């Protein structure tokens, strides 16, 4: 009688273990491992940072200091948590940062529009008066 190797391809098919099973398992699990960092980069590095930058350009630090400062601090905390690979916490902080930055930008834009409309409605009384006549010069000067 001949001893057959356990890894022989000549065994019945039901006893053979397909070699592609480990490869398929790795390919199925790999995307799940990468979701945290990918979503972190999308949320914190792209959306939240862009929202804070847009709020800064709208002068939210002047017109909505509470919301703008909170947005900056949440963004800082999100980056810190991402540094410790706590991606879920970092994503939540990034969402809070984005929301507050958008709110700060909206407040700043509305306050700027309000001040612009006030300045165009209320004009100083000196603008409607005729200019004072220039003093006459004497010919000897």
C-alpha atoms as a PDB file:
ATOM      1  CA  UNK A   1       0.000   0.000   0.000  1.00  0.00           C
ATOM      2  CA  UNK A   2       1.204   3.489  -0.869  1.00  0.00           C
ATOM      3  CA  UNK A   3       1.082   6.240   1.708  1.00  0.00           C
ATOM      4  CA  UNK A   4      -0.345   9.358   0.141  1.00  0.00           C
ATOM      5  CA  UNK A   5       0.691  12.810   1.164  1.00  0.00           C
ATOM      6  CA  UNK A   6      -2.001  14.770   3.023  1.00  0.00           C
ATOM      7  CA  UNK A   7      -1.666  17.667   0.646  1.00  0.00           C
ATOM      8  CA  UNK A   8      -2.134  15.548  -2.433  1.00  0.00           C
ATOM      9  CA  UNK A   9      -4.420  16.863  -5.129  1.00  0.00           C
ATOM     10  CA  UNK A  10      -5.627  13.350  -5.827  1.00  0.00           C
ATOM     11  CA  UNK A  11      -7.844  13.121  -2.750  1.00  0.00           C
ATOM     12  CA  UNK A  12     -11.596  13.320  -3.141  1.00  0.00           C
ATOM     13  CA  UNK A  13     -12.780  16.941  -3.745  1.00  0.00           C
ATOM     14  CA  UNK A  14     -14.766  17.125  -0.533  1.00  0.00           C
ATOM     15  CA  UNK A  15     -11.559  16.559   1.456  1.00  0.00           C
ATOM     16  CA  UNK A  16      -9.515  19.168  -0.377  1.00  0.00           C
ATOM     17  CA  UNK A  17      -9.196  22.594   1.241  1.00  0.00           C
ATOM     18  CA  UNK A  18      -9.257  25.306  -1.382  1.00  0.00           C
ATOM     19  CA  UNK A  19      -6.156  27.439  -1.210  1.00  0.00           C
ATOM     20  CA  UNK A  20      -8.095  30.568  -2.110  1.00  0.00           C
ATOM     21  CA  UNK A  21     -10.016  30.647   1.198  1.00  0.00           C
ATOM     22  CA  UNK A  22      -7.301  32.517   3.161  1.00  0.00           C
ATOM     23  CA  UNK A  23      -6.854  34.976   0.300  1.00  0.00           C
ATOM     24  CA  UNK A  24     -10.579  35.664   0.107  1.00  0.00           C
ATOM     25  CA  UNK A  25     -10.774  36.096   3.882  1.00  0.00           C
ATOM     26  CA  UNK A  26      -7.930  38.605   3.876  1.00  0.00           C
ATOM     27  CA  UNK A  27      -9.470  40.555   1.010  1.00  0.00           C
ATOM     28  CA  UNK A  28     -12.845  40.625   2.768  1.00  0.00           C
ATOM     29  CA  UNK A  29     -11.424  41.897   6.060  1.00  0.00           C
ATOM     30  CA  UNK A  30      -8.901  44.394   4.636  1.00  0.00           C
ATOM     31  CA  UNK A  31     -11.406  47.148   3.720  1.00  0.00           C
ATOM     32  CA  UNK A  32     -12.948  46.974   7.179  1.00  0.00           C
ATOM     33  CA  UNK A  33      -9.602  47.701   8.786  1.00  0.00           C
ATOM     34  CA  UNK A  34      -9.045  50.781   6.665  1.00  0.00           C
ATOM     35  CA  UNK A  35     -12.370  52.550   7.259  1.00  0.00           C
ATOM     36  CA  UNK A  36     -11.293  54.483  10.354  1.00  0.00           C
ATOM     37  CA  UNK A  37      -8.293  56.256   8.862  1.00  0.00           C
ATOM     38  CA  UNK A  38     -10.032  56.887   5.542  1.00  0.00           C
ATOM     39  CA  UNK A  39     -13.079  58.468   7.144  1.00  0.00           C
ATOM     40  CA  UNK A  40     -10.826  60.364   9.570  1.00  0.00           C
ATOM     41  CA  UNK A  41      -8.889  61.929   6.712  1.00  0.00           C
ATOM     42  CA  UNK A  42     -12.086  62.797   4.896  1.00  0.00           C
ATOM     43  CA  UNK A  43     -13.794  64.331   7.917  1.00  0.00           C
ATOM     44  CA  UNK A  44     -11.002  65.992   9.865  1.00  0.00           C
ATOM     45  CA  UNK A  45      -8.401  66.855   7.268  1.00  0.00           C
ATOM     46  CA  UNK A  46     -10.796  67.840   4.506  1.00  0.00           C
ATOM     47  CA  UNK A  47     -14.238  68.910   5.697  1.00  0.00           C
ATOM     48  CA  UNK A  48     -13.584  70.224   9.212  1.00  0.00           C
ATOM     49  CA  UNK A  49     -10.351  72.005   8.335  1.00  0.00           C
ATOM     50  CA  UNK A  50     -11.978  73.590   5.274  1.00  0.00           C
ATOM     51  CA  UNK A  51     -14.960  74.756   7.328  1.00  0.00           C
ATOM     52  CA  UNK A  52     -12.708  76.341   9.969  1.00  0.00           C
ATOM     53  CA  UNK A  53     -10.683  78.029   7.242  1.00  0.00           C
ATOM     54  CA  UNK A  54     -13.846  79.395   5.591  1.00  0.00           C
ATOM     55  CA  UNK A  55     -15.030  80.715   8.952  1.00  0.00           C
ATOM     56  CA  UNK A  56     -11.693  82.448   9.454  1.00  0.00           C
ATOM     57  CA  UNK A  57     -11.976  84.091   6.029  1.00  0.00           C
ATOM     58  CA  UNK A  58     -15.470  85.313   6.943  1.00  0.00           C
ATOM     59  CA  UNK A  59     -13.988  86.977  10.058  1.00  0.00           C
ATOM     60  CA  UNK A  60     -15.861  84.649  12.374  1.00  0.00           C
ATOM     61  CA  UNK A  61     -13.191  85.175  15.013  1.00  0.00           C
ATOM     62  CA  UNK A  62     -14.461  88.755  15.248  1.00  0.00           C
ATOM     63  CA  UNK A  63     -18.213  88.324  14.753  1.00  0.00           C
ATOM     64  CA  UNK A  64     -18.801  84.870  16.318  1.00  0.00           C
ATOM     65  CA  UNK A  65     -15.896  84.309  18.713  1.00  0.00           C
ATOM     66  CA  UNK A  66     -17.536  81.556  20.797  1.00  0.00           C
ATOM     67  CA  UNK A  67     -18.467  79.324  17.880  1.00  0.00           C
ATOM     68  CA  UNK A  68     -15.203  79.934  16.032  1.00  0.00           C
ATOM     69  CA  UNK A  69     -13.018  79.227  19.070  1.00  0.00           C
ATOM     70  CA  UNK A  70     -14.979  76.053  19.854  1.00  0.00           C
ATOM     71  CA  UNK A  71     -14.590  74.907  16.233  1.00  0.00           C
ATOM     72  CA  UNK A  72     -10.831  75.464  16.364  1.00  0.00           C
ATOM     73  CA  UNK A  73     -10.509  73.585  19.652  1.00  0.00           C
ATOM     74  CA  UNK A  74     -12.614  70.650  18.446  1.00  0.00           C
ATOM     75  CA  UNK A  75     -10.451  70.462  15.314  1.00  0.00           C
ATOM     76  CA  UNK A  76      -7.327  70.456  17.478  1.00  0.00           C
ATOM     77  CA  UNK A  77      -8.782  67.695  19.689  1.00  0.00           C
ATOM     78  CA  UNK A  78      -9.784  65.664  16.601  1.00  0.00           C
ATOM     79  CA  UNK A  79      -6.226  65.811  15.303  1.00  0.00           C
ATOM     80  CA  UNK A  80      -4.896  64.817  18.718  1.00  0.00           C
ATOM     81  CA  UNK A  81      -7.220  61.789  18.915  1.00  0.00           C
ATOM     82  CA  UNK A  82      -6.253  60.821  15.371  1.00  0.00           C
ATOM     83  CA  UNK A  83      -2.623  60.876  16.474  1.00  0.00           C
ATOM     84  CA  UNK A  84      -3.467  58.262  19.089  1.00  0.00           C
ATOM     85  CA  UNK A  85      -5.358  56.179  16.474  1.00  0.00           C
ATOM     86  CA  UNK A  86      -8.699  56.829  18.203  1.00  0.00           C
ATOM     87  CA  UNK A  87     -10.392  57.379  14.868  1.00  0.00           C
ATOM     88  CA  UNK A  88     -14.017  57.143  15.983  1.00  0.00           C
ATOM     89  CA  UNK A  89     -13.516  59.835  18.626  1.00  0.00           C
ATOM     90  CA  UNK A  90     -11.537  61.935  16.165  1.00  0.00           C
ATOM     91  CA  UNK A  91     -14.327  61.704  13.587  1.00  0.00           C
ATOM     92  CA  UNK A  92     -16.917  62.812  16.159  1.00  0.00           C
ATOM     93  CA  UNK A  93     -14.768  65.783  17.182  1.00  0.00           C
ATOM     94  CA  UNK A  94     -14.276  66.608  13.514  1.00  0.00           C
ATOM     95  CA  UNK A  95     -18.036  66.633  12.931  1.00  0.00           C
ATOM     96  CA  UNK A  96     -18.552  68.955  15.902  1.00  0.00           C
ATOM     97  CA  UNK A  97     -15.800  71.205  14.590  1.00  0.00           C
ATOM     98  CA  UNK A  98     -17.369  71.335  11.129  1.00  0.00           C
ATOM     99  CA  UNK A  99     -20.827  72.129  12.540  1.00  0.00           C
ATOM    100  CA  UNK A 100     -19.548  74.915  14.774  1.00  0.00           C
ATOM    101  CA  UNK A 101     -17.378  76.390  12.013  1.00  0.00           C
ATOM    102  CA  UNK A 102     -20.343  76.469   9.619  1.00  0.00           C
ATOM    103  CA  UNK A 103     -22.482  78.100  12.322  1.00  0.00           C
ATOM    104  CA  UNK A 104     -19.756  80.670  13.050  1.00  0.00           C
ATOM    105  CA  UNK A 105     -19.419  81.473   9.361  1.00  0.00           C
ATOM    106  CA  UNK A 106     -23.183  81.931   8.994  1.00  0.00           C
ATOM    107  CA  UNK A 107     -23.300  84.252  12.010  1.00  0.00           C
ATOM    108  CA  UNK A 108     -20.364  86.277  10.713  1.00  0.00           C
ATOM    109  CA  UNK A 109     -21.872  86.644   7.256  1.00  0.00           C
ATOM    110  CA  UNK A 110     -25.259  87.692   8.644  1.00  0.00           C
ATOM    111  CA  UNK A 111     -23.689  90.253  11.012  1.00  0.00           C
ATOM    112  CA  UNK A 112     -21.599  91.687   8.187  1.00  0.00           C
ATOM    113  CA  UNK A 113     -24.670  91.970   5.965  1.00  0.00           C
ATOM    114  CA  UNK A 114     -26.604  93.581   8.807  1.00  0.00           C
ATOM    115  CA  UNK A 115     -23.894  96.171   9.449  1.00  0.00           C
ATOM    116  CA  UNK A 116     -23.628  96.886   5.728  1.00  0.00           C
ATOM    117  CA  UNK A 117     -27.367  97.493   5.445  1.00  0.00           C
ATOM    118  CA  UNK A 118     -27.321  99.773   8.512  1.00  0.00           C
ATOM    119  CA  UNK A 119     -24.501 101.847   7.082  1.00  0.00           C
ATOM    120  CA  UNK A 120     -26.309 102.261   3.752  1.00  0.00           C
ATOM    121  CA  UNK A 121     -29.664 103.156   5.379  1.00  0.00           C
ATOM    122  CA  UNK A 122     -28.371 105.608   7.947  1.00  0.00           C
ATOM    123  CA  UNK A 123     -26.283 108.274   6.307  1.00  0.00           C
ATOM    124  CA  UNK A 124     -24.705 111.113   8.182  1.00  0.00           C
ATOM    125  CA  UNK A 125     -26.584 114.388   7.945  1.00  0.00           C
ATOM    126  CA  UNK A 126     -23.479 116.119   6.621  1.00  0.00           C
ATOM    127  CA  UNK A 127     -23.730 114.110   3.386  1.00  0.00           C
ATOM    128  CA  UNK A 128     -27.075 115.720   2.479  1.00  0.00           C
ATOM    129  CA  UNK A 129     -26.044 119.302   3.221  1.00  0.00           C
ATOM    130  CA  UNK A 130     -24.567 121.606   0.681  1.00  0.00           C
ATOM    131  CA  UNK A 131     -20.860 122.128   1.055  1.00  0.00           C
ATOM    132  CA  UNK A 132     -19.899 125.328   2.815  1.00  0.00           C
ATOM    133  CA  UNK A 133     -18.757 128.062   0.424  1.00  0.00           C
ATOM    134  CA  UNK A 134     -15.046 128.557   0.239  1.00  0.00           C
ATOM    135  CA  UNK A 135     -13.763 131.686   1.933  1.00  0.00           C
ATOM    136  CA  UNK A 136     -13.034 134.486  -0.497  1.00  0.00           C
ATOM    137  CA  UNK A 137      -9.451 135.423  -0.957  1.00  0.00           C
ATOM    138  CA  UNK A 138      -8.417 138.959  -1.006  1.00  0.00           C
ATOM    139  CA  UNK A 139      -6.488 140.097  -4.047  1.00  0.00           C
ATOM    140  CA  UNK A 140      -3.500 141.200  -2.016  1.00  0.00           C
ATOM    141  CA  UNK A 141      -2.647 137.657  -1.037  1.00  0.00           C
END
